[in-house]
Amino acid sequence: MKKHKAFYQNISSFKDEVNASVKAKKNPKNKIIHHIKELEEKESNLIPLFKEKLLKVKYFLFGIIFIFALYGAYSFFVAKKNGIHPIYYGVKNLPSTETLNVRTGAGKGYRVVGELFPNTKHIIVTHCKNNDEGTKWCHIKYKDIIGWVHSYYIQKETISK
């Protein structure tokens, strides 16, 4: 019986503590203090989270910069040696009064999409091929003109040092 009596006394004192806590929280002054304590607890948890996220962003940005640096080094050292940079061509073997037709396909039967003047330079050749008639045509890009020209009328530009 003594055990039961002690148990009920503990429950009774626990109820009194809970009621006192509830009354204290209902008091406007205590509510503000309680909210301030909650914010301090949350803030103390947020600062390490913020620092962790900031660290992740920092490493992410560092990774992006590193990738650009690698690409730049590759472009500067490797791509030049392997001829990956474009080789420019210029128009040749064309009278000064005529223009070179740029066509939609490799042959005279294709529609003309543009014209190049005899002194045109900085033409990019993407590739060349022989057509069905056995003549060599090159696919070119010059400004906004993309198409095919006969290989007889273009030559690589010489680089002066």
C-alpha atoms as a PDB file:
ATOM      1  CA  MET A   1       0.000   0.000   0.000  1.00  0.00           C
ATOM      2  CA  LYS A   2       2.863   2.353   0.742  1.00  0.00           C
ATOM      3  CA  LYS A   3       4.131   1.893  -2.810  1.00  0.00           C
ATOM      4  CA  HIS A   4       0.787   2.939  -4.259  1.00  0.00           C
ATOM      5  CA  LYS A   5       0.595   5.946  -1.973  1.00  0.00           C
ATOM      6  CA  ALA A   6       4.128   7.083  -3.035  1.00  0.00           C
ATOM      7  CA  PHE A   7       3.222   6.568  -6.666  1.00  0.00           C
ATOM      8  CA  TYR A   8       0.071   8.719  -6.369  1.00  0.00           C
ATOM      9  CA  GLN A   9       2.041  11.387  -4.520  1.00  0.00           C
ATOM     10  CA  ASN A  10       4.590  11.458  -7.385  1.00  0.00           C
ATOM     11  CA  ILE A  11       1.787  11.756  -9.931  1.00  0.00           C
ATOM     12  CA  SER A  12       0.190  14.512  -7.896  1.00  0.00           C
ATOM     13  CA  SER A  13       3.457  16.476  -7.630  1.00  0.00           C
ATOM     14  CA  PHE A  14       4.044  15.951 -11.375  1.00  0.00           C
ATOM     15  CA  LYS A  15       0.553  17.334 -12.109  1.00  0.00           C
ATOM     16  CA  ASP A  16       1.301  20.352  -9.914  1.00  0.00           C
ATOM     17  CA  GLU A  17       4.578  20.982 -11.816  1.00  0.00           C
ATOM     18  CA  VAL A  18       2.809  20.703 -15.186  1.00  0.00           C
ATOM     19  CA  ASN A  19       0.035  23.044 -14.080  1.00  0.00           C
ATOM     20  CA  ALA A  20       2.583  25.551 -12.786  1.00  0.00           C
ATOM     21  CA  SER A  21       4.495  25.320 -16.069  1.00  0.00           C
ATOM     22  CA  VAL A  22       1.290  25.839 -18.081  1.00  0.00           C
ATOM     23  CA  LYS A  23       0.334  28.856 -15.944  1.00  0.00           C
ATOM     24  CA  ALA A  24       3.840  30.263 -16.341  1.00  0.00           C
ATOM     25  CA  LYS A  25       3.652  29.871 -20.122  1.00  0.00           C
ATOM     26  CA  LYS A  26       0.258  31.593 -20.208  1.00  0.00           C
ATOM     27  CA  ASN A  27       1.715  34.603 -18.452  1.00  0.00           C
ATOM     28  CA  PRO A  28       2.578  37.144 -21.244  1.00  0.00           C
ATOM     29  CA  LYS A  29       5.993  37.928 -19.802  1.00  0.00           C
ATOM     30  CA  ASN A  30       6.888  34.266 -19.541  1.00  0.00           C
ATOM     31  CA  LYS A  31       5.619  33.623 -23.084  1.00  0.00           C
ATOM     32  CA  ILE A  32       8.072  36.150 -24.471  1.00  0.00           C
ATOM     33  CA  ILE A  33      10.928  34.663 -22.454  1.00  0.00           C
ATOM     34  CA  HIS A  34       9.930  31.173 -23.576  1.00  0.00           C
ATOM     35  CA  HIS A  35       9.883  32.263 -27.268  1.00  0.00           C
ATOM     36  CA  ILE A  36      13.256  33.963 -26.896  1.00  0.00           C
ATOM     37  CA  LYS A  37      14.717  30.774 -25.461  1.00  0.00           C
ATOM     38  CA  GLU A  38      13.199  28.748 -28.321  1.00  0.00           C
ATOM     39  CA  LEU A  39      14.687  31.144 -30.878  1.00  0.00           C
ATOM     40  CA  GLU A  40      18.080  30.971 -29.206  1.00  0.00           C
ATOM     41  CA  GLU A  41      17.949  27.176 -29.369  1.00  0.00           C
ATOM     42  CA  LYS A  42      16.915  27.225 -33.035  1.00  0.00           C
ATOM     43  CA  GLU A  43      19.493  29.891 -33.858  1.00  0.00           C
ATOM     44  CA  SER A  44      22.231  27.912 -32.196  1.00  0.00           C
ATOM     45  CA  ASN A  45      21.221  24.992 -34.432  1.00  0.00           C
ATOM     46  CA  LEU A  46      20.965  27.148 -37.580  1.00  0.00           C
ATOM     47  CA  ILE A  47      24.418  28.689 -37.441  1.00  0.00           C
ATOM     48  CA  PRO A  48      26.279  25.366 -37.835  1.00  0.00           C
ATOM     49  CA  LEU A  49      23.833  24.348 -40.601  1.00  0.00           C
ATOM     50  CA  PHE A  50      24.392  27.663 -42.370  1.00  0.00           C
ATOM     51  CA  LYS A  51      28.156  27.289 -42.060  1.00  0.00           C
ATOM     52  CA  GLU A  52      27.937  23.744 -43.439  1.00  0.00           C
ATOM     53  CA  LYS A  53      25.837  24.881 -46.439  1.00  0.00           C
ATOM     54  CA  LEU A  54      28.181  27.810 -47.042  1.00  0.00           C
ATOM     55  CA  LEU A  55      31.143  25.437 -47.041  1.00  0.00           C
ATOM     56  CA  LYS A  56      29.415  23.212 -49.615  1.00  0.00           C
ATOM     57  CA  VAL A  57      28.695  26.220 -51.857  1.00  0.00           C
ATOM     58  CA  LYS A  58      32.310  27.345 -51.521  1.00  0.00           C
ATOM     59  CA  TYR A  59      33.615  23.951 -52.638  1.00  0.00           C
ATOM     60  CA  PHE A  60      31.077  23.813 -55.465  1.00  0.00           C
ATOM     61  CA  LEU A  61      32.237  27.194 -56.790  1.00  0.00           C
ATOM     62  CA  PHE A  62      35.853  26.145 -56.379  1.00  0.00           C
ATOM     63  CA  GLY A  63      35.089  23.060 -58.481  1.00  0.00           C
ATOM     64  CA  ILE A  64      33.503  25.148 -61.244  1.00  0.00           C
ATOM     65  CA  ILE A  65      36.504  27.508 -61.329  1.00  0.00           C
ATOM     66  CA  PHE A  66      38.858  24.527 -61.404  1.00  0.00           C
ATOM     67  CA  ILE A  67      37.007  23.021 -64.386  1.00  0.00           C
ATOM     68  CA  PHE A  68      37.257  26.317 -66.298  1.00  0.00           C
ATOM     69  CA  ALA A  69      40.963  26.526 -65.475  1.00  0.00           C
ATOM     70  CA  LEU A  70      41.517  22.986 -66.785  1.00  0.00           C
ATOM     71  CA  TYR A  71      39.618  23.778 -69.961  1.00  0.00           C
ATOM     72  CA  GLY A  72      41.650  26.944 -70.451  1.00  0.00           C
ATOM     73  CA  ALA A  73      44.923  25.085 -69.972  1.00  0.00           C
ATOM     74  CA  TYR A  74      43.773  22.356 -72.361  1.00  0.00           C
ATOM     75  CA  SER A  75      42.771  24.925 -74.988  1.00  0.00           C
ATOM     76  CA  PHE A  76      46.037  26.795 -74.682  1.00  0.00           C
ATOM     77  CA  PHE A  77      48.517  23.886 -74.604  1.00  0.00           C
ATOM     78  CA  VAL A  78      46.931  20.780 -76.133  1.00  0.00           C
ATOM     79  CA  ALA A  79      44.393  22.029 -78.662  1.00  0.00           C
ATOM     80  CA  LYS A  80      46.896  24.240 -80.498  1.00  0.00           C
ATOM     81  CA  LYS A  81      49.343  21.352 -80.935  1.00  0.00           C
ATOM     82  CA  ASN A  82      46.660  18.988 -82.236  1.00  0.00           C
ATOM     83  CA  GLY A  83      45.271  21.511 -84.726  1.00  0.00           C
ATOM     84  CA  ILE A  84      41.877  21.703 -83.045  1.00  0.00           C
ATOM     85  CA  HIS A  85      41.673  25.466 -83.485  1.00  0.00           C
ATOM     86  CA  PRO A  86      40.105  26.422 -86.816  1.00  0.00           C
ATOM     87  CA  ILE A  87      42.296  26.825 -89.854  1.00  0.00           C
ATOM     88  CA  TYR A  88      41.132  29.761 -91.915  1.00  0.00           C
ATOM     89  CA  TYR A  89      40.808  29.779 -95.677  1.00  0.00           C
ATOM     90  CA  GLY A  90      40.530  32.543 -98.242  1.00  0.00           C
ATOM     91  CA  VAL A  91      39.040  32.779-101.718  1.00  0.00           C
ATOM     92  CA  LYS A  92      41.518  32.213-104.609  1.00  0.00           C
ATOM     93  CA  ASN A  93      41.458  31.637-108.412  1.00  0.00           C
ATOM     94  CA  LEU A  94      38.513  33.986-108.835  1.00  0.00           C
ATOM     95  CA  PRO A  95      38.491  37.047-111.118  1.00  0.00           C
ATOM     96  CA  SER A  96      37.968  40.296-109.215  1.00  0.00           C
ATOM     97  CA  THR A  97      34.680  40.939-111.042  1.00  0.00           C
ATOM     98  CA  GLU A  98      33.028  37.642-110.012  1.00  0.00           C
ATOM     99  CA  THR A  99      31.747  36.093-106.764  1.00  0.00           C
ATOM    100  CA  LEU A 100      32.037  32.549-105.441  1.00  0.00           C
ATOM    101  CA  ASN A 101      28.667  30.835-104.993  1.00  0.00           C
ATOM    102  CA  VAL A 102      28.001  29.040-101.700  1.00  0.00           C
ATOM    103  CA  ARG A 103      25.509  26.207-102.256  1.00  0.00           C
ATOM    104  CA  THR A 104      23.259  23.956-100.169  1.00  0.00           C
ATOM    105  CA  GLY A 105      25.072  20.818-101.391  1.00  0.00           C
ATOM    106  CA  ALA A 106      28.306  19.609-102.965  1.00  0.00           C
ATOM    107  CA  GLY A 107      27.648  20.293-106.648  1.00  0.00           C
ATOM    108  CA  LYS A 108      26.573  22.899-109.218  1.00  0.00           C
ATOM    109  CA  GLY A 109      22.983  21.656-109.194  1.00  0.00           C
ATOM    110  CA  TYR A 110      22.315  22.825-105.647  1.00  0.00           C
ATOM    111  CA  ARG A 111      20.643  26.104-104.717  1.00  0.00           C
ATOM    112  CA  VAL A 112      22.884  29.150-104.003  1.00  0.00           C
ATOM    113  CA  VAL A 113      22.616  30.356-100.384  1.00  0.00           C
ATOM    114  CA  GLY A 114      25.301  33.039-100.441  1.00  0.00           C
ATOM    115  CA  GLU A 115      28.216  34.611-102.281  1.00  0.00           C
ATOM    116  CA  LEU A 116      31.843  35.288-101.342  1.00  0.00           C
ATOM    117  CA  PHE A 117      33.941  38.075-102.842  1.00  0.00           C
ATOM    118  CA  PRO A 118      37.437  37.455-104.258  1.00  0.00           C
ATOM    119  CA  ASN A 119      39.208  39.011-101.246  1.00  0.00           C
ATOM    120  CA  THR A 120      37.180  37.136 -98.609  1.00  0.00           C
ATOM    121  CA  LYS A 121      39.272  35.724 -95.746  1.00  0.00           C
ATOM    122  CA  HIS A 122      38.645  33.905 -92.442  1.00  0.00           C
ATOM    123  CA  ILE A 123      36.462  31.194 -93.966  1.00  0.00           C
ATOM    124  CA  ILE A 124      36.196  28.092 -91.774  1.00  0.00           C
ATOM    125  CA  VAL A 125      36.195  24.742 -93.604  1.00  0.00           C
ATOM    126  CA  THR A 126      34.463  22.018 -91.596  1.00  0.00           C
ATOM    127  CA  HIS A 127      35.174  19.164 -94.049  1.00  0.00           C
ATOM    128  CA  CYS A 128      35.629  18.327 -97.722  1.00  0.00           C
ATOM    129  CA  LYS A 129      34.365  15.479 -99.899  1.00  0.00           C
ATOM    130  CA  ASN A 130      34.193  14.349-103.501  1.00  0.00           C
ATOM    131  CA  ASN A 131      30.746  14.501-105.055  1.00  0.00           C
ATOM    132  CA  ASP A 132      29.239  12.027-107.547  1.00  0.00           C
ATOM    133  CA  GLU A 133      31.039  13.745-110.434  1.00  0.00           C
ATOM    134  CA  GLY A 134      34.409  13.299-108.685  1.00  0.00           C
ATOM    135  CA  THR A 135      35.025  16.970-107.918  1.00  0.00           C
ATOM    136  CA  LYS A 136      36.106  18.065-104.447  1.00  0.00           C
ATOM    137  CA  TRP A 137      33.727  20.341-102.527  1.00  0.00           C
ATOM    138  CA  CYS A 138      34.225  21.808 -99.046  1.00  0.00           C
ATOM    139  CA  HIS A 139      31.628  22.620 -96.434  1.00  0.00           C
ATOM    140  CA  ILE A 140      32.314  26.144 -95.162  1.00  0.00           C
ATOM    141  CA  LYS A 141      31.128  28.666 -92.612  1.00  0.00           C
ATOM    142  CA  TYR A 142      31.671  32.388 -93.107  1.00  0.00           C
ATOM    143  CA  LYS A 143      29.830  34.801 -90.810  1.00  0.00           C
ATOM    144  CA  ASP A 144      26.182  33.727 -91.205  1.00  0.00           C
ATOM    145  CA  ILE A 145      26.740  31.848 -94.501  1.00  0.00           C
ATOM    146  CA  ILE A 146      26.956  28.044 -94.247  1.00  0.00           C
ATOM    147  CA  GLY A 147      27.220  25.836 -97.321  1.00  0.00           C
ATOM    148  CA  TRP A 148      29.427  24.200 -99.955  1.00  0.00           C
ATOM    149  CA  VAL A 149      32.042  25.666-102.313  1.00  0.00           C
ATOM    150  CA  HIS A 150      34.296  24.058-104.907  1.00  0.00           C
ATOM    151  CA  SER A 151      37.725  23.384-103.380  1.00  0.00           C
ATOM    152  CA  TYR A 152      39.494  24.946-106.396  1.00  0.00           C
ATOM    153  CA  TYR A 153      38.401  28.391-105.222  1.00  0.00           C
ATOM    154  CA  ILE A 154      39.681  28.297-101.604  1.00  0.00           C
ATOM    155  CA  GLN A 155      43.106  27.933-100.013  1.00  0.00           C
ATOM    156  CA  LYS A 156      44.549  27.991 -96.488  1.00  0.00           C
ATOM    157  CA  GLU A 157      45.524  31.423 -95.268  1.00  0.00           C
ATOM    158  CA  THR A 158      49.214  31.921 -94.543  1.00  0.00           C
ATOM    159  CA  ILE A 159      50.057  33.021 -91.022  1.00  0.00           C
ATOM    160  CA  SER A 160      52.618  35.813 -90.921  1.00  0.00           C
ATOM    161  CA  LYS A 161      54.856  35.856 -87.853  1.00  0.00           C
END
